[in-house]
Protein backbone atom coordinates (compact mmCIF):
# COMPACT_ATOMS: atom_id res chain seq x y z
CA MET A 1 -0.15 -0.05 0.00
CA VAL A 2 2.87 2.44 0.98
CA LYS A 3 4.56 1.67 -2.49
CA ALA A 4 1.33 2.31 -4.24
CA MET A 5 0.82 5.69 -2.44
CA ILE A 6 4.51 6.62 -3.42
CA ALA A 7 3.73 5.69 -6.99
CA PHE A 8 0.73 7.89 -6.98
CA LEU A 9 2.67 10.71 -5.54
CA LYS A 10 5.22 10.66 -8.16
CA LYS A 11 2.66 11.13 -10.85
CA PRO A 12 2.11 14.77 -11.89
CA SER A 13 -1.49 14.11 -12.25
CA THR A 14 -1.70 13.37 -8.41
CA VAL A 15 0.06 16.64 -7.50
CA VAL A 16 -2.11 18.58 -9.79
CA GLY A 17 -5.36 16.92 -8.40
CA ILE A 18 -4.33 17.95 -4.81
CA VAL A 19 -3.28 21.44 -5.75
CA THR A 20 -6.53 21.93 -7.45
CA ALA A 21 -8.58 20.67 -4.44
CA LEU A 22 -6.34 23.15 -2.35
CA LEU A 23 -6.99 26.08 -4.49
CA PHE A 24 -10.79 25.66 -4.15
CA GLN A 25 -10.38 25.95 -0.37
CA ILE A 26 -8.22 29.07 -0.84
CA LEU A 27 -9.94 30.85 -3.66
CA PHE A 28 -13.39 30.46 -2.66
CA PRO A 29 -13.07 31.85 0.96
CA ILE A 30 -10.91 34.59 -0.24
CA ILE A 31 -13.34 35.81 -3.06
CA TRP A 32 -16.63 35.13 -1.35
CA LEU A 33 -15.74 36.50 2.00
CA THR A 34 -14.34 39.75 0.50
CA ALA A 35 -17.10 40.11 -2.21
CA TYR A 36 -19.92 39.86 0.71
CA ASP A 37 -17.99 41.79 3.27
CA HIS A 38 -20.36 44.07 5.00
CA VAL A 39 -22.93 43.69 2.41
CA THR A 40 -25.77 44.71 4.76
CA ASP A 41 -24.05 48.08 5.25
CA ARG A 42 -24.61 48.90 1.50
CA VAL A 43 -28.44 48.39 1.62
CA ASP A 44 -28.69 52.08 1.20
CA GLN A 45 -27.64 51.71 -2.40
CA PHE A 46 -31.17 50.17 -3.18
CA LYS A 47 -33.16 52.50 -5.37
CA LEU A 48 -36.82 53.25 -4.64
CA ALA A 49 -39.27 55.56 -6.56
CA ILE A 50 -42.09 57.33 -5.10
CA VAL A 51 -45.01 58.48 -7.48
CA ASN A 52 -47.25 60.97 -5.72
CA GLU A 53 -50.72 61.11 -7.77
CA ASP A 54 -52.54 62.64 -4.88
CA ARG A 55 -54.62 65.75 -5.89
CA GLY A 56 -54.56 67.05 -2.33
CA ASN A 57 -51.80 68.63 -0.19
CA ILE A 58 -51.31 65.65 2.33
CA GLY A 59 -49.50 63.29 -0.19
CA GLU A 60 -46.79 65.83 -0.84
CA LYS A 61 -46.10 66.21 2.91
CA VAL A 62 -46.05 62.42 3.33
CA VAL A 63 -43.49 62.33 0.30
CA GLN A 64 -41.36 64.77 1.91
CA ASP A 65 -41.30 62.95 5.28
CA LEU A 66 -40.62 59.55 3.68
CA SER A 67 -37.69 60.76 1.66
CA ASN A 68 -36.09 61.81 4.88
CA TYR A 69 -37.04 58.86 6.88
CA LEU A 70 -36.03 56.15 4.53
CA SER A 71 -32.36 55.14 4.43
CA PHE A 72 -32.36 54.35 0.57
CA GLN A 73 -31.81 56.22 -2.53
CA VAL A 74 -35.39 57.64 -2.94
CA THR A 75 -36.46 59.46 -6.28
CA LYS A 76 -39.56 61.17 -6.93
CA VAL A 77 -41.20 60.21 -10.36
CA ASP A 78 -43.83 62.17 -11.93
CA SER A 79 -45.17 59.47 -14.13
CA LEU A 80 -46.37 55.99 -12.79
CA LYS A 81 -45.98 54.48 -16.20
CA GLN A 82 -42.27 55.60 -16.32
CA ALA A 83 -41.68 54.40 -12.91
CA MET A 84 -43.24 51.10 -13.57
CA ASN A 85 -41.09 50.77 -16.96
CA ASP A 86 -37.96 51.64 -14.74
CA LEU A 87 -38.96 48.81 -12.21
CA GLU A 88 -39.36 46.41 -15.13
CA GLN A 89 -35.85 47.02 -16.07
CA ARG A 90 -34.46 46.81 -12.51
CA LYS A 91 -33.52 50.40 -12.14
CA TYR A 92 -35.86 50.58 -9.07
CA ARG A 93 -36.35 47.90 -6.59
CA MET A 94 -39.69 49.16 -5.59
CA VAL A 95 -42.26 51.78 -6.44
CA ILE A 96 -44.32 53.40 -3.92
CA GLU A 97 -47.66 54.88 -5.25
CA ILE A 98 -49.45 57.42 -3.54
CA PRO A 99 -53.04 57.48 -5.27
CA ALA A 100 -55.03 60.19 -6.46
CA ASN A 101 -57.63 60.02 -3.64
CA PHE A 102 -55.31 59.85 -0.81
CA SER A 103 -56.13 63.26 0.75
CA SER A 104 -59.83 62.71 0.32
CA LEU A 105 -59.71 59.46 2.03
CA VAL A 106 -57.69 60.41 4.87
CA GLN A 107 -60.29 62.99 5.70
CA GLN A 108 -63.18 60.74 5.80
CA LEU A 109 -63.31 59.09 9.17
CA ASN A 110 -64.81 55.66 7.84
CA GLN A 111 -62.22 55.21 5.09
CA LYS A 112 -58.61 53.56 4.81
CA ALA A 113 -56.09 55.50 3.03
CA PRO A 114 -53.78 52.91 1.11
CA PHE A 115 -50.17 53.11 0.13
CA ILE A 116 -49.63 50.92 -3.08
CA PHE A 117 -46.24 49.14 -3.05
CA HIS A 118 -45.16 47.61 -6.50
CA ILE A 119 -42.31 45.16 -6.12
CA ASN A 120 -40.61 43.31 -9.12
CA GLU A 121 -40.11 39.75 -7.89
CA SER A 122 -37.97 39.03 -11.07
CA ASN A 123 -34.99 39.49 -8.88
CA PRO A 124 -32.84 37.47 -6.37
CA THR A 125 -34.91 36.21 -3.56
CA MET A 126 -33.30 38.66 -1.15
CA ILE A 127 -34.97 41.59 -2.98
CA LYS A 128 -38.45 40.21 -2.54
CA ASN A 129 -37.85 39.79 1.30
CA VAL A 130 -36.11 43.04 1.82
CA MET A 131 -38.73 44.96 -0.10
CA HIS A 132 -41.67 43.48 1.66
CA SER A 133 -39.86 44.46 5.05
CA VAL A 134 -39.31 48.07 3.53
CA ALA A 135 -43.16 48.10 2.75
CA ASN A 136 -43.96 47.41 6.28
CA GLU A 137 -41.55 50.15 7.41
CA VAL A 138 -42.93 52.76 5.06
CA ALA A 139 -46.36 52.02 6.22
CA LYS A 140 -45.30 52.48 9.75
CA ALA A 141 -43.38 55.73 8.71
CA ALA A 142 -46.72 57.06 7.25
CA ASN A 143 -48.30 56.58 10.59
CA HIS A 144 -45.43 58.33 12.32
CA GLU A 145 -45.99 61.13 14.61
CA SER A 146 -44.14 63.76 12.50
CA ILE A 147 -46.35 63.05 9.50
CA LYS A 148 -49.43 63.24 11.81
CA ALA A 149 -48.19 66.70 13.07
CA GLU A 150 -47.85 67.88 9.46
CA ILE A 151 -51.26 66.73 8.51
CA GLU A 152 -52.52 68.37 11.45
CA ALA A 153 -51.14 71.63 10.52
CA THR A 154 -52.51 71.11 7.00
CA PHE A 155 -56.01 70.78 8.42
CA GLU A 156 -55.66 73.91 10.70
CA GLN A 157 -54.52 75.94 7.55
CA ALA A 158 -57.66 74.76 6.06
CA HIS A 159 -59.53 76.61 8.80
CA MET A 160 -60.58 73.34 10.70
CA PRO A 161 -60.94 73.78 14.51
CA ALA A 162 -57.75 72.84 16.32
CA ASN A 163 -59.35 70.08 18.34
CA GLN A 164 -60.93 68.54 15.37
CA ALA A 165 -57.75 68.73 13.24
CA LYS A 166 -55.80 66.99 16.05
CA LYS A 167 -58.39 64.41 16.29
CA MET A 168 -58.40 63.50 12.57
CA ALA A 169 -54.72 63.59 12.48
CA THR A 170 -54.51 61.10 15.36
CA MET A 171 -57.09 58.81 13.51
CA LEU A 172 -55.01 59.09 10.16
CA SER A 173 -51.99 57.56 12.11
CA GLU A 174 -54.05 54.48 12.35
CA ARG A 175 -55.66 54.21 9.10
CA VAL A 176 -52.77 54.43 6.41
CA VAL A 177 -52.72 50.72 5.07
CA MET A 178 -50.25 48.78 3.03
CA LYS A 179 -51.21 47.20 -0.28
CA ILE A 180 -48.55 45.25 -2.26
CA GLU A 181 -48.82 44.70 -5.95
CA PRO A 182 -46.15 42.45 -7.14
CA LEU A 183 -44.76 42.65 -10.66
CA HIS A 184 -43.75 39.20 -12.02
CA SER A 185 -45.15 37.17 -9.05
CA VAL A 186 -42.83 34.22 -8.34
CA SER A 187 -44.61 31.56 -6.11
CA ASN A 188 -42.19 28.80 -6.64
CA PHE A 189 -38.75 29.10 -5.16
CA SER A 190 -36.95 26.68 -7.51
CA SER A 191 -37.77 29.14 -10.42
CA SER A 192 -35.79 31.85 -8.68
CA MET A 193 -32.80 29.57 -8.60
CA ILE A 194 -32.69 28.75 -12.30
CA PRO A 195 -30.33 31.70 -13.37
CA MET A 196 -27.67 30.52 -10.78
CA MET A 197 -28.05 26.97 -11.76
CA VAL A 198 -27.65 27.63 -15.45
CA VAL A 199 -24.71 29.81 -14.85
CA MET A 200 -22.90 27.41 -12.61
CA ALA A 201 -23.69 24.51 -15.13
CA CYS A 202 -22.58 26.24 -18.04
CA PHE A 203 -19.29 27.61 -16.80
CA VAL A 204 -18.44 24.45 -14.80
CA GLY A 205 -19.23 22.40 -17.86
CA SER A 206 -17.12 24.75 -20.05
CA MET A 207 -14.28 24.57 -17.54
CA MET A 208 -14.33 20.72 -17.88
CA MET A 209 -14.84 20.66 -21.54
CA ALA A 210 -11.92 23.42 -22.20
CA MET A 211 -9.42 21.09 -20.08
CA GLN A 212 -10.13 17.98 -22.02
CA MET A 213 -9.75 20.07 -25.33
CA GLN A 214 -6.46 21.23 -24.27
CA LYS A 215 -5.34 17.79 -23.54
CA VAL A 216 -6.43 16.56 -26.95
CA SER A 217 -4.86 19.58 -28.61
CA THR A 218 -1.57 18.79 -26.81
CA GLU A 219 -1.83 15.09 -28.19
CA LEU A 220 -2.38 16.30 -31.65
CA LYS A 221 0.34 18.98 -31.74
CA GLU A 222 2.60 16.85 -33.87
CA GLN A 223 -0.02 16.06 -36.55
CA PHE A 224 -1.66 19.42 -37.18
CA THR A 225 -0.62 23.12 -37.01
CA LYS A 226 -1.75 25.33 -34.14
CA TRP A 227 -4.15 27.10 -36.45
CA GLU A 228 -5.80 23.83 -37.38
CA ARG A 229 -6.22 22.64 -33.98
CA PHE A 230 -7.60 26.14 -32.95
CA SER A 231 -10.00 26.29 -35.74
CA ALA A 232 -11.18 22.75 -34.95
CA ARG A 233 -11.68 23.83 -31.27
CA MET A 234 -14.00 26.67 -32.35
CA LEU A 235 -16.11 24.51 -34.61
CA ILE A 236 -16.41 22.04 -31.78
CA ASN A 237 -17.37 24.76 -29.43
CA PHE A 238 -20.12 25.99 -31.58
CA ALA A 239 -21.69 22.62 -32.28
CA SER A 240 -21.35 21.55 -28.61
CA ALA A 241 -23.21 24.86 -27.52
CA ILE A 242 -26.02 24.06 -29.65
CA ILE A 243 -26.39 20.48 -28.50
CA ILE A 244 -25.62 20.88 -24.79
CA SER A 245 -28.08 23.98 -24.77
CA SER A 246 -30.81 21.90 -26.44
CA ILE A 247 -30.77 19.25 -23.63
CA GLY A 248 -30.33 21.84 -20.93
CA ALA A 249 -33.36 24.08 -22.31
CA THR A 250 -35.48 21.05 -22.67
CA LEU A 251 -34.95 20.05 -19.10
CA ILE A 252 -35.61 23.39 -17.76
CA TYR A 253 -38.71 23.79 -19.71
CA SER A 254 -40.12 20.40 -18.92
CA LEU A 255 -39.22 20.57 -15.29
CA GLY A 256 -39.95 24.31 -14.46
CA ASP A 257 -43.40 25.45 -13.62
CA HIS A 258 -42.92 29.20 -14.15
CA LEU A 259 -41.24 30.36 -17.49
CA ALA A 260 -42.25 33.78 -18.72
CA GLY A 261 -40.59 33.32 -22.28
CA GLY A 262 -41.00 30.44 -24.63
CA PHE A 263 -38.73 27.42 -25.24
CA LEU A 264 -37.15 28.99 -28.29
CA SER A 265 -36.14 32.21 -26.56
CA LEU A 266 -34.74 30.11 -23.74
CA TRP A 267 -32.87 27.70 -26.12
CA LEU A 268 -31.23 30.43 -28.11
CA PHE A 269 -30.22 32.56 -25.11
CA GLN A 270 -28.80 29.38 -23.45
CA VAL A 271 -26.73 28.65 -26.69
CA THR A 272 -25.33 32.31 -26.56
CA CYS A 273 -24.56 31.92 -22.92
CA MET A 274 -22.82 28.60 -23.43
CA LEU A 275 -20.65 29.94 -26.30
CA ALA A 276 -19.62 32.96 -24.21
CA PHE A 277 -18.57 30.54 -21.25
CA LEU A 278 -16.80 28.26 -23.70
CA PHE A 279 -14.60 31.16 -25.27
CA VAL A 280 -14.07 32.55 -21.90
CA ALA A 281 -13.00 29.23 -20.25
CA GLN A 282 -10.35 28.47 -22.93
CA ILE A 283 -8.55 31.53 -22.82
CA SER A 284 -6.40 30.73 -19.65
CA LEU A 285 -5.74 27.26 -20.98
CA LEU A 286 -4.52 28.51 -24.43
CA LEU A 287 -2.25 31.01 -22.60
CA LEU A 288 -1.09 28.98 -19.58
CA GLY A 289 -1.58 25.28 -20.62
CA ASP A 290 -2.95 22.98 -17.91
CA ALA A 291 -2.30 25.50 -15.30
CA GLY A 292 -5.02 27.74 -16.79
CA ALA A 293 -7.48 25.44 -15.12
CA TRP A 294 -6.52 27.01 -11.87
CA VAL A 295 -7.32 30.47 -13.25
CA ASN A 296 -10.73 29.22 -14.20
CA ILE A 297 -11.41 28.21 -10.55
CA ALA A 298 -11.01 31.76 -9.62
CA LEU A 299 -13.21 32.90 -12.54
CA LEU A 300 -16.08 30.70 -11.43
CA SER A 301 -16.11 31.96 -7.90
CA ILE A 302 -15.94 35.58 -8.98
CA GLN A 303 -18.76 35.06 -11.46
CA LEU A 304 -21.03 33.35 -8.98
CA VAL A 305 -20.54 36.20 -6.36
CA SER A 306 -20.59 39.16 -9.01
CA SER A 307 -23.30 38.04 -11.32
CA GLY A 308 -26.27 39.12 -9.12
CA ALA A 309 -27.58 35.53 -8.75
CA LEU A 310 -27.21 35.34 -5.15
CA ILE A 311 -27.62 38.96 -3.96
CA PRO A 312 -28.37 42.32 -5.81
CA ARG A 313 -25.30 43.66 -7.54
CA GLU A 314 -25.51 47.20 -6.03
CA LEU A 315 -24.73 45.59 -2.59
CA LEU A 316 -21.17 44.34 -3.86
CA SER A 317 -17.97 46.21 -3.08
CA PRO A 318 -16.91 48.38 -5.99
CA PHE A 319 -14.23 45.82 -7.16
CA TYR A 320 -16.69 43.14 -7.83
CA LEU A 321 -19.27 45.41 -9.20
CA GLU A 322 -16.76 46.74 -11.70
CA ILE A 323 -15.37 43.23 -12.67
CA GLY A 324 -18.75 41.87 -13.14
CA LYS A 325 -19.28 44.19 -16.20
CA TYR A 326 -16.92 42.26 -18.16
CA LEU A 327 -18.01 38.72 -17.23
CA PRO A 328 -20.69 36.70 -19.05
CA ALA A 329 -22.34 35.54 -15.85
CA THR A 330 -23.69 38.91 -15.12
CA TYR A 331 -25.50 39.17 -18.39
CA ALA A 332 -26.56 35.39 -18.25
CA VAL A 333 -28.28 35.95 -14.92
CA ASP A 334 -30.12 39.26 -16.20
CA GLY A 335 -31.35 37.61 -19.35
CA LEU A 336 -32.33 34.46 -17.62
CA MET A 337 -34.32 36.37 -14.97
CA ASN A 338 -36.20 38.09 -17.95
CA LEU A 339 -36.96 34.85 -19.58
CA VAL A 340 -37.76 32.64 -16.78
CA LEU A 341 -39.17 35.04 -14.08
CA GLY A 342 -40.28 37.96 -16.41
CA GLY A 343 -38.78 41.09 -17.64
CA SER A 344 -38.42 43.73 -20.26
CA GLY A 345 -36.43 41.56 -22.87
CA ILE A 346 -32.99 40.23 -23.53
CA SER A 347 -31.71 42.21 -26.65
CA GLU A 348 -29.19 44.21 -24.47
CA THR A 349 -27.91 41.11 -22.70
CA VAL A 350 -27.58 39.11 -25.80
CA ALA A 351 -25.53 41.89 -27.41
CA SER A 352 -23.26 42.00 -24.24
CA LEU A 353 -22.80 38.20 -24.40
CA LEU A 354 -21.95 38.41 -28.09
CA TRP A 355 -19.34 41.15 -27.43
CA ILE A 356 -17.73 39.03 -24.84
CA THR A 357 -17.71 36.16 -27.07
CA ILE A 358 -16.10 38.16 -29.91
CA GLY A 359 -13.60 39.65 -27.26
CA ALA A 360 -12.72 36.11 -25.97
CA ALA A 361 -12.28 34.79 -29.41
CA ILE A 362 -9.81 37.62 -30.25
CA LEU A 363 -7.79 36.95 -27.08
CA GLY A 364 -7.79 33.13 -28.05
CA LEU A 365 -6.37 34.20 -31.33
CA LEU A 366 -3.68 36.19 -29.77
CA CYS A 367 -2.88 33.43 -27.17
CA VAL A 368 -2.50 30.88 -30.12
CA SER A 369 -0.33 33.38 -32.19
CA LEU A 370 2.21 33.42 -29.12
CA GLN A 371 2.30 29.53 -29.16
CA ARG A 372 5.33 27.79 -30.88
CA ASP A 373 4.24 25.45 -33.65
CA THR A 374 5.63 22.03 -33.16
CA TRP A 375 3.79 20.12 -35.69
CA ALA A 376 5.76 17.65 -37.96
CA HIS A 377 5.09 16.94 -41.59
CA SER A 378 3.79 13.58 -42.65
CA PRO A 379 6.33 11.12 -44.33
CA ARG A 380 4.83 11.73 -47.64
CA GLU A 381 5.11 15.37 -47.42
CA ILE A 382 8.69 15.21 -46.34
CA ALA A 383 9.51 12.81 -49.31
CA SER A 384 7.75 15.12 -51.60
CA THR A 385 10.00 18.08 -50.68
CA LYS A 386 13.22 16.25 -51.39
């Protein structure tokens, strides 16, 4: 047994395997813990919109008080249609609507005055949970003593007796109610996990495939030129992306119970994602050989934390927020959320993925151009040159 163990340790593949396992333990803690460090301290980066359609004076006073009360980036938007369009595109995480009859309702003792909260659930699950909590806090804020005092002053300015104004303002503090209207409601948790699942499956699969392709390319270097081998890899990448995505999209479409887009859109988008991941995964291997697989381990971890699949991107530290702009996982997650959970479309994300694929292909060409070509002519070709 000891001799067998020593024989194993003498083989380079054994050492590479041990180092690879070690790198997972080193890189994942470094990347994940630095990316998510003090995430909760950056919740003030969430963007909310307030649309005041109230035809009276009370709504405006409530808006002013909420803007000071909330610890988020609050923007007052004049048009509900524009705010909802921005919510669809995830520019805002929630839209707070004060209806047109708000002032009239609060002045009627037998009525409730609603705040309407529009929440886009086509987002990481964390967004849904946080925004529901925020809605509760906003409803409480609307019942806050400072708002009550401002409304009391408004009633007094309208020549209402002071005691009656105070009574109505006190009753208002108990009558502002919360009404949540979800956009792209998601009832099944498994659907919200599809974007992260697809990203992980695509990139890990691309890593493994690129490693095997690199081994085959090394074995064939005496038979074919570096450009022939590179061209063959490109063709195999394209064909594999189509076949692999067909199977993946079929399973998602069959097993998933919440798909906003059709099968064809899902399949075509997954082909685009797979191509981007395949081209990116092969760059480090073309440049560094087998050692490039270790670079891909870091890329896997970085893409998982910076893509927005687990937590909203605005909560990330500036470094990961910036680097995510140049990695395919960010756009894959955004597009998959639109296709699976609902959203405004995938044209921009597809364009970004195609640009990344083209850029990765160009980098691949540069890496190959730096390689030394060691292919040997066949005996017949050598004889013909004599």
